Amino acid sequence: MEPIRIILRAAYPASLESAALRDLVRASVAETAEHQGLSTPDTEIHPDRIEILVAAPGPVALALATEVRRATGLWHRRKYGTPLWLGE
C-alpha cells in the first residue's frame, strides 16, 4: 500500500515552534494510530504545519488526521484560548 501524506496547517505561522507542543502533537499522532491499530506513522512537524505519512487506506488516514486535529485543537483552545489549526 502506498503511504498517504496528510497535512494539517497551523492557524498561525509559528504555532508549532514550541518543543513541548510539538511533543504533544507527535504523541497524539502515535496514540491515535495505536488506538486505530496502525503502526506509528512518520510525522514531520514544521512551525506552520504537520505532515503525517501513514500506510493506510484513505478513509483510515483521514480518520487519524481528523482525530489528531480534534484532540489537539480542543486541548490548545482550552489551554490558550486560541485555535491551533487553520479553519477552527
Protein backbone atom coordinates (compact mmCIF):
# COMPACT_ATOMS: atom_id res chain seq x y z
CA MET A 1 0.00 0.00 0.00
CA GLU A 2 1.30 3.41 -0.98
CA PRO A 3 1.61 5.74 2.06
CA ILE A 4 -0.71 8.73 2.19
CA ARG A 5 0.59 12.16 3.24
CA ILE A 6 -1.85 14.31 5.19
CA ILE A 7 -1.01 17.90 6.07
CA LEU A 8 -2.59 19.85 8.92
CA ARG A 9 -1.88 23.57 8.68
CA ALA A 10 -1.45 25.61 11.83
CA ALA A 11 -3.65 28.63 12.46
CA TYR A 12 -0.62 30.91 12.77
CA PRO A 13 2.80 30.74 11.04
CA ALA A 14 4.74 29.85 14.20
CA SER A 15 2.08 27.89 16.10
CA LEU A 16 4.21 24.75 16.31
CA GLU A 17 7.58 26.28 17.27
CA SER A 18 7.28 25.21 20.91
CA ALA A 19 9.11 21.93 21.56
CA ALA A 20 6.53 20.98 24.20
CA LEU A 21 3.65 21.49 21.76
CA ARG A 22 5.46 19.54 19.04
CA ASP A 23 5.96 16.66 21.50
CA LEU A 24 2.28 16.75 22.44
CA VAL A 25 1.17 16.65 18.79
CA ARG A 26 3.63 13.83 17.98
CA ALA A 27 2.35 11.84 20.99
CA SER A 28 -1.23 12.42 19.88
CA VAL A 29 -0.43 11.06 16.40
CA ALA A 30 1.23 7.97 17.88
CA GLU A 31 -1.55 7.31 20.41
CA THR A 32 -4.31 7.78 17.83
CA ALA A 33 -2.57 5.47 15.37
CA GLU A 34 -2.14 2.82 18.07
CA HIS A 35 -5.81 3.15 19.02
CA GLN A 36 -6.78 2.54 15.38
CA GLY A 37 -4.48 -0.47 15.09
CA LEU A 38 -1.90 1.25 12.87
CA SER A 39 1.85 1.37 13.18
CA THR A 40 3.13 4.77 14.25
CA PRO A 41 3.19 6.98 11.15
CA ASP A 42 6.12 9.14 10.13
CA THR A 43 5.38 12.63 11.37
CA GLU A 44 7.19 15.78 10.29
CA ILE A 45 6.46 18.87 12.33
CA HIS A 46 7.23 22.31 10.93
CA PRO A 47 6.48 25.67 12.58
CA ASP A 48 3.37 26.12 10.41
CA ARG A 49 2.15 22.56 9.75
CA ILE A 50 2.45 18.86 10.46
CA GLU A 51 2.78 16.21 7.79
CA ILE A 52 1.64 12.70 8.63
CA LEU A 53 2.75 9.89 6.32
CA VAL A 54 0.62 6.83 7.03
CA ALA A 55 0.35 3.49 5.26
CA ALA A 56 -3.40 3.00 5.47
CA PRO A 57 -6.46 3.27 3.25
CA GLY A 58 -7.56 6.84 2.58
CA PRO A 59 -10.57 6.85 4.93
CA VAL A 60 -8.45 5.46 7.79
CA ALA A 61 -5.70 8.04 7.20
CA LEU A 62 -8.32 10.79 7.15
CA ALA A 63 -9.85 9.49 10.40
CA LEU A 64 -6.41 9.54 12.02
CA ALA A 65 -5.76 13.14 10.98
CA THR A 66 -9.27 14.21 11.99
CA GLU A 67 -8.90 12.79 15.49
CA VAL A 68 -5.43 14.33 15.95
CA ARG A 69 -6.79 17.70 14.82
CA ARG A 70 -9.84 17.43 17.08
CA ALA A 71 -7.98 16.34 20.21
CA THR A 72 -5.02 18.72 19.95
CA GLY A 73 -7.17 21.62 18.78
CA LEU A 74 -9.55 21.22 21.71
CA TRP A 75 -6.66 21.00 24.17
CA HIS A 76 -4.99 24.10 22.71
CA ARG A 77 -8.20 26.15 22.71
CA ARG A 78 -8.92 25.23 26.35
CA LYS A 79 -5.35 25.94 27.48
CA TYR A 80 -4.59 29.09 25.46
CA GLY A 81 -7.95 30.30 24.19
CA THR A 82 -6.81 30.32 20.56
CA PRO A 83 -7.12 27.86 17.69
CA LEU A 84 -4.21 25.60 16.85
CA TRP A 85 -5.31 24.57 13.35
CA LEU A 86 -6.31 26.61 10.34
CA GLY A 87 -10.09 26.74 9.95
CA GLU A 88 -11.02 26.13 13.59
